[in-house]
Every structure is written in C-alpha cells, then in structure tokens.
Amino acid sequence: MAETKTTVTAATAKASSHQPKKSSNLFAALAVPICLVIGFLFFFYVLGNPANFQGNNPEAHPIDSGIGKWFGTVYKGGLVVPVLISVLLICLTFVIERFLYLAKAKGKFSGSELVRKVQYHLANKNVDAALAECDKQKGSVGNVLKAGLKKYKEMVTNSELDTEQKILTIKNEIEETTALELPMMEKNLVFLSTIASVATLLGLFGTVLGMIKAFSAMSSGGAPDSAQLALGISEALINTALGIGTSAIAIIMYNYFTTNIDSITYAIDESGFTLTQSFAANHK
C-alpha cells in the first residue's frame, strides 16, 4: 500500500513538472537556429549593406565616418564573423532567459525572510499562516517550503507513525520537491559554459585565417600588398575582439547565475532544516 502511494506521488510530481521542461526544451531548440539565421542575415544585409562602403561596393574599403564605417569594418572580418555574431546572440538570448527565470525563482521577497516568517508561525503552531506566506513568496524556496508544510500538516494528525518517522517523511517530501526545482534553475546554463569556450576558439580560428591572409600579402612577389596586409590584420583583430567579448559575457553571466542559484539552494536547505527542527520541537 505504501509503495503504491509513493508511486502515485512520484507520477504526479513528474506529470506536473513535464510541461515546464517541455517548454524549456522547445525554447532551446528554437533559439539556436533562429539566432543563427538572424546572425547571418545581419552580417550580409546590415553589415554588408553597400551604403557602408566607398562607391557602394562591398569589395571596397568602408566609408570614412559614421556607424557605416564600423559596420563595414566588421563585415571585412570574413565569414567567421556571422558565426561569432550568431554565438553572441545565442549567449544574450540565454542570458535574458535565465535572468527572467531566476528572478521568478527568487520570489517576491528573499528566501531567508520567508524562512523567518514560517519559523515564527510554526512556533505559534499556525501552519495555515505559514502556508499563506509561501503563496506570497511565489519562488522556489516558497514552493519547497509549501510542499514540506503540507506534509508537516498531514503529519500533525498522523497517529500511525512515531516522531522520527514523521520527520523523515517531511524531509523526504522536501528533498523530492527540491530535486524538481534545482534542475530547472540550472537548465540552459550549459549553453553559457559551452559558449565561454567555443567563442574564444572561433575567434582564434578567425584570427588565424586573417593572419594567413596578412602573411600571404607579405610573401607576394615584389613589394608587399599593403591593402591586403591591412585587410588580413583587420580581419584577425575583428575576430579576436568578437570571440573574446562573447566569451567574457558568457563567463561573467554564468558565474552570476551560479552564485544566485547557490544562494537559492542555501535558502532551500535552510528552510528544510527549519521545518524538521520545528516539527521536532513542537511534537516531542
């Protein structure tokens, strides 16, 4: 009987978490190709706009002033540039997505504040008021505490289990809910950690291609082709800048998000400890 109940509970939990995971997977599956398409379109139709070049010729030098000068200069970075632009867009997309999700996961107020409020209500043996505080918080800590408090309330009236078994049941409920919350907070961070490495390598690849052009211009017979030499060096530096810049954004934001997740995780652990300790103190 107990095994059947556990199976039903697990199935319910999986069913309730299926939709958010499915939506998140769909977002990731669509975001990458869309960013790739936008990156290449931006490269060819915005950066490569003939108006950005002297004589309206994309093969010529960029114009001397204005934003068109910068667009034309970046366009001269070669075919690795649209890939780097796409990677930058993917990075920014997942930065925004994780920022919005973690802002929601933090809730209306901090997890530590919620724990203090719940601790106060439990000391007064007012479980319903504690549950109301979880509903107000609307974050990951609130979700975990709410699940634990429901089990807490159930254990108060349970006459079949002893105190140790009741505490273990509450603890298991908290752990199960936490196991559903944490993966959703960490989801898609793999894109940022991958971009942090890949962007640098792509930038280096573009740099090598640019330097090959530069040295080819220097090795040509007679006087070196100064225009081709400058073009090769420019291509190398543009790719280096884009690669390093994208990698820096990915590293900084990845560390920012993991720090926030660690903070939320600590608050969840604190809430679980508070709940079990309160039950042990109030129901000896």
Protein backbone atom coordinates (compact mmCIF):
# COMPACT_ATOMS: atom_id res chain seq x y z
CA MET A 1 0.00 0.00 0.00
CA ALA A 2 2.78 2.40 0.96
CA GLU A 3 4.69 1.51 -2.21
CA THR A 4 1.61 2.24 -4.36
CA LYS A 5 1.14 5.62 -2.68
CA THR A 6 4.78 6.51 -3.29
CA THR A 7 4.48 5.54 -6.97
CA VAL A 8 1.37 7.69 -7.41
CA THR A 9 3.09 10.64 -5.72
CA ALA A 10 6.13 10.30 -7.97
CA ALA A 11 3.95 10.03 -11.07
CA THR A 12 2.03 13.14 -10.08
CA ALA A 13 5.25 15.06 -9.49
CA LYS A 14 6.62 14.01 -12.86
CA ALA A 15 3.39 14.93 -14.61
CA SER A 16 3.34 18.38 -13.01
CA SER A 17 6.97 19.06 -13.99
CA HIS A 18 6.65 17.72 -17.56
CA GLN A 19 5.13 20.83 -19.12
CA PRO A 20 7.76 23.37 -17.89
CA LYS A 21 10.59 21.07 -19.02
CA LYS A 22 8.95 20.54 -22.40
CA SER A 23 8.51 24.30 -22.88
CA SER A 24 12.11 24.94 -21.85
CA ASN A 25 13.41 22.29 -24.27
CA LEU A 26 11.34 23.80 -27.08
CA PHE A 27 12.76 27.23 -26.32
CA ALA A 28 16.32 25.92 -26.52
CA ALA A 29 15.59 24.01 -29.74
CA LEU A 30 14.17 27.12 -31.42
CA ALA A 31 16.53 29.75 -30.01
CA VAL A 32 19.73 28.33 -31.52
CA PRO A 33 18.63 28.08 -35.19
CA ILE A 34 16.77 31.40 -35.01
CA CYS A 35 19.88 33.16 -33.67
CA LEU A 36 21.98 31.56 -36.41
CA VAL A 37 19.60 32.83 -39.11
CA ILE A 38 19.48 36.33 -37.59
CA GLY A 39 23.27 36.42 -37.26
CA PHE A 40 23.86 35.58 -40.93
CA LEU A 41 21.11 37.93 -42.14
CA PHE A 42 22.58 40.75 -40.02
CA PHE A 43 26.04 40.08 -41.46
CA PHE A 44 25.05 40.03 -45.12
CA TYR A 45 22.24 42.61 -45.19
CA VAL A 46 23.17 45.09 -42.44
CA LEU A 47 26.94 44.92 -42.10
CA GLY A 48 27.31 44.12 -45.81
CA ASN A 49 24.98 46.91 -46.93
CA PRO A 50 26.64 48.62 -49.94
CA ALA A 51 25.98 52.01 -48.30
CA ASN A 52 28.65 51.12 -45.70
CA PHE A 53 31.39 51.06 -48.35
CA GLN A 54 33.08 53.53 -50.65
CA GLY A 55 31.42 53.64 -54.04
CA ASN A 56 28.61 51.40 -52.71
CA ASN A 57 30.89 48.46 -53.37
CA PRO A 58 31.23 45.85 -50.58
CA GLU A 59 34.61 44.88 -52.07
CA ALA A 60 35.93 48.40 -51.44
CA HIS A 61 37.03 49.98 -48.15
CA PRO A 62 34.44 51.05 -45.55
CA ILE A 63 33.27 54.67 -45.63
CA ASP A 64 35.28 57.16 -43.61
CA SER A 65 32.78 58.13 -40.90
CA GLY A 66 29.54 57.27 -39.15
CA ILE A 67 28.16 53.96 -37.99
CA GLY A 68 28.52 52.64 -41.52
CA LYS A 69 32.31 52.79 -41.06
CA TRP A 70 32.07 50.39 -38.11
CA PHE A 71 29.57 48.11 -39.85
CA GLY A 72 31.77 47.94 -42.92
CA THR A 73 34.88 47.28 -40.83
CA VAL A 74 33.23 44.36 -39.02
CA TYR A 75 31.97 43.00 -42.34
CA LYS A 76 35.57 42.83 -43.51
CA GLY A 77 36.23 40.34 -40.70
CA GLY A 78 35.32 37.47 -43.00
CA LEU A 79 32.92 34.54 -42.87
CA VAL A 80 33.73 33.60 -39.28
CA VAL A 81 32.14 36.88 -38.17
CA PRO A 82 28.49 35.83 -38.83
CA VAL A 83 29.12 32.67 -36.81
CA LEU A 84 30.51 34.75 -33.94
CA ILE A 85 27.56 37.16 -34.17
CA SER A 86 25.19 34.20 -34.01
CA VAL A 87 27.02 32.81 -30.97
CA LEU A 88 26.80 36.24 -29.32
CA LEU A 89 23.05 36.35 -29.98
CA ILE A 90 22.63 32.83 -28.55
CA CYS A 91 24.58 33.92 -25.48
CA LEU A 92 22.45 37.04 -24.97
CA THR A 93 19.23 35.07 -25.54
CA PHE A 94 20.02 32.55 -22.81
CA VAL A 95 21.31 35.27 -20.50
CA ILE A 96 17.95 37.03 -20.75
CA GLU A 97 16.03 33.74 -20.40
CA ARG A 98 17.97 32.67 -17.27
CA PHE A 99 17.76 36.17 -15.79
CA LEU A 100 13.96 36.17 -16.09
CA TYR A 101 13.63 32.62 -14.75
CA LEU A 102 15.90 33.17 -11.75
CA ALA A 103 14.19 36.47 -10.97
CA LYS A 104 10.97 34.47 -10.75
CA ALA A 105 12.67 31.69 -8.76
CA LYS A 106 13.86 34.22 -6.16
CA GLY A 107 10.25 35.16 -5.48
CA LYS A 108 8.64 38.36 -4.25
CA PHE A 109 10.97 38.51 -1.25
CA SER A 110 14.09 36.67 -0.12
CA GLY A 111 14.11 33.04 0.96
CA SER A 112 15.74 33.95 4.26
CA GLU A 113 12.90 36.33 5.06
CA LEU A 114 10.37 33.62 4.20
CA VAL A 115 12.13 31.14 6.49
CA ARG A 116 11.96 33.61 9.38
CA LYS A 117 8.24 34.21 8.82
CA VAL A 118 7.49 30.50 8.58
CA GLN A 119 9.55 29.82 11.70
CA TYR A 120 7.53 32.43 13.58
CA HIS A 121 4.18 30.94 12.52
CA LEU A 122 5.29 27.39 13.30
CA ALA A 123 6.40 28.49 16.76
CA ASN A 124 2.80 29.67 17.24
CA LYS A 125 1.56 26.37 15.70
CA ASN A 126 -0.15 28.22 12.87
CA VAL A 127 0.63 26.10 9.81
CA ASP A 128 -2.02 27.76 7.62
CA ALA A 129 -0.42 31.18 8.13
CA ALA A 130 2.96 29.68 7.18
CA LEU A 131 1.41 28.23 4.00
CA ALA A 132 -0.02 31.66 3.18
CA GLU A 133 3.48 33.16 3.42
CA CYS A 134 4.74 30.58 0.91
CA ASP A 135 1.97 31.59 -1.50
CA LYS A 136 3.00 35.23 -1.14
CA GLN A 137 6.67 34.49 -1.83
CA LYS A 138 5.98 32.69 -5.15
CA GLY A 139 9.55 31.46 -5.56
CA SER A 140 11.48 28.21 -5.47
CA VAL A 141 12.00 28.43 -1.70
CA GLY A 142 8.28 29.03 -1.30
CA ASN A 143 7.46 26.02 -3.49
CA VAL A 144 9.71 23.71 -1.47
CA LEU A 145 8.50 25.04 1.87
CA LYS A 146 4.88 24.78 0.80
CA ALA A 147 5.30 21.11 -0.11
CA GLY A 148 7.05 20.49 3.20
CA LEU A 149 4.40 22.38 5.17
CA LYS A 150 1.59 20.37 3.58
CA LYS A 151 3.33 17.20 4.65
CA TYR A 152 4.00 18.83 8.05
CA LYS A 153 0.27 19.49 8.45
CA GLU A 154 -0.52 15.94 7.43
CA MET A 155 1.96 14.51 9.93
CA VAL A 156 0.46 16.52 12.80
CA THR A 157 -2.72 14.47 12.61
CA ASN A 158 -1.00 11.20 11.74
CA SER A 159 -1.25 8.67 14.57
CA GLU A 160 0.37 5.70 12.84
CA LEU A 161 3.98 6.96 12.68
CA ASP A 162 6.29 7.91 15.52
CA THR A 163 8.02 11.32 15.64
CA GLU A 164 11.22 10.15 13.92
CA GLN A 165 9.27 8.60 11.06
CA LYS A 166 7.19 11.76 10.66
CA ILE A 167 10.33 13.92 10.50
CA LEU A 168 11.81 11.55 7.91
CA THR A 169 8.61 11.76 5.84
CA ILE A 170 8.73 15.58 5.89
CA LYS A 171 12.41 15.53 4.97
CA ASN A 172 11.77 13.17 2.06
CA GLU A 173 8.99 15.41 0.76
CA ILE A 174 11.32 18.43 0.86
CA GLU A 175 14.08 16.51 -0.92
CA GLU A 176 11.70 15.35 -3.67
CA THR A 177 10.44 18.88 -4.30
CA THR A 178 13.98 20.26 -4.24
CA ALA A 179 15.00 17.64 -6.81
CA LEU A 180 12.36 19.10 -9.14
CA GLU A 181 13.28 22.75 -8.53
CA LEU A 182 17.08 22.69 -8.85
CA PRO A 183 17.37 21.21 -12.38
CA MET A 184 15.02 23.90 -13.71
CA MET A 185 17.21 26.64 -12.21
CA GLU A 186 20.37 25.15 -13.74
CA LYS A 187 18.77 24.42 -17.11
CA ASN A 188 20.36 26.08 -20.18
CA LEU A 189 23.44 27.17 -18.24
CA VAL A 190 25.28 24.54 -20.29
CA PHE A 191 24.88 26.86 -23.30
CA LEU A 192 26.72 29.66 -21.48
CA SER A 193 29.51 27.38 -20.26
CA THR A 194 29.95 25.99 -23.79
CA ILE A 195 29.91 29.43 -25.40
CA ALA A 196 32.57 30.61 -22.95
CA SER A 197 34.99 28.11 -24.55
CA VAL A 198 33.69 27.91 -28.11
CA ALA A 199 33.58 31.69 -28.71
CA THR A 200 37.27 32.03 -27.84
CA LEU A 201 38.18 29.16 -30.18
CA LEU A 202 36.07 30.60 -33.02
CA GLY A 203 37.71 33.99 -32.50
CA LEU A 204 41.12 32.32 -32.60
CA PHE A 205 40.16 30.47 -35.78
CA GLY A 206 39.13 33.74 -37.44
CA THR A 207 42.34 35.34 -36.21
CA VAL A 208 44.44 32.59 -37.81
CA LEU A 209 42.58 32.99 -41.12
CA GLY A 210 43.20 36.73 -41.04
CA MET A 211 46.90 36.29 -40.29
CA ILE A 212 47.19 33.79 -43.16
CA LYS A 213 45.87 36.50 -45.49
CA ALA A 214 48.25 39.05 -43.99
CA PHE A 215 51.31 36.84 -44.42
CA SER A 216 50.19 35.89 -47.93
CA ALA A 217 50.17 39.57 -48.81
CA MET A 218 53.68 39.96 -47.37
CA SER A 219 55.03 36.94 -49.22
CA SER A 220 53.82 38.04 -52.67
CA GLY A 221 56.49 38.79 -55.20
CA GLY A 222 57.86 42.35 -55.27
CA ALA A 223 56.55 44.92 -52.83
CA PRO A 224 54.04 43.64 -50.25
CA ASP A 225 50.39 44.40 -51.00
CA SER A 226 49.74 46.90 -48.20
CA ALA A 227 45.96 46.87 -48.73
CA GLN A 228 45.73 43.09 -48.43
CA LEU A 229 48.13 43.15 -45.50
CA ALA A 230 45.96 45.67 -43.64
CA LEU A 231 42.82 43.70 -44.55
CA GLY A 232 44.26 40.47 -43.16
CA ILE A 233 45.36 42.08 -39.90
CA SER A 234 41.98 43.84 -39.58
CA GLU A 235 40.15 40.54 -40.11
CA ALA A 236 42.29 38.88 -37.44
CA LEU A 237 41.66 41.61 -34.86
CA ILE A 238 37.90 41.79 -35.53
CA ASN A 239 37.54 38.05 -34.95
CA THR A 240 39.69 38.24 -31.83
CA ALA A 241 37.57 41.06 -30.39
CA LEU A 242 34.26 39.32 -31.09
CA GLY A 243 35.47 35.99 -29.73
CA ILE A 244 36.94 37.40 -26.52
CA GLY A 245 33.99 39.74 -25.95
CA THR A 246 31.40 36.98 -26.36
CA SER A 247 33.39 34.62 -24.14
CA ALA A 248 33.73 37.30 -21.44
CA ILE A 249 29.96 37.91 -21.38
CA ALA A 250 29.27 34.15 -21.14
CA ILE A 251 31.77 33.64 -18.28
CA ILE A 252 30.59 36.64 -16.27
CA MET A 253 26.90 35.77 -16.60
CA TYR A 254 27.48 32.06 -15.94
CA ASN A 255 29.23 32.92 -12.66
CA TYR A 256 26.49 35.42 -11.80
CA PHE A 257 23.75 32.84 -12.32
CA THR A 258 25.53 30.04 -10.45
CA THR A 259 26.05 32.41 -7.50
CA ASN A 260 22.33 33.20 -7.48
CA ILE A 261 21.44 29.52 -7.71
CA ASP A 262 23.76 28.75 -4.79
CA SER A 263 22.01 31.45 -2.77
CA ILE A 264 18.57 29.99 -3.52
CA THR A 265 19.82 26.47 -2.79
CA TYR A 266 21.16 27.60 0.59
CA ALA A 267 17.78 29.15 1.42
CA ILE A 268 16.05 25.89 0.43
CA ASP A 269 18.37 23.87 2.66
CA GLU A 270 17.78 26.32 5.49
CA SER A 271 14.02 26.06 5.04
CA GLY A 272 14.14 22.25 5.15
CA PHE A 273 16.22 22.26 8.31
CA THR A 274 13.91 24.83 9.94
CA LEU A 275 10.83 22.76 9.10
CA THR A 276 12.13 19.50 10.53
CA GLN A 277 13.54 21.20 13.62
CA SER A 278 10.25 22.98 14.26
CA PHE A 279 8.32 19.73 13.97
CA ALA A 280 10.73 18.01 16.33
CA ALA A 281 10.44 20.84 18.87
CA ASN A 282 6.62 21.12 18.70
CA HIS A 283 5.82 17.42 18.61
CA LYS A 284 8.13 15.67 21.03
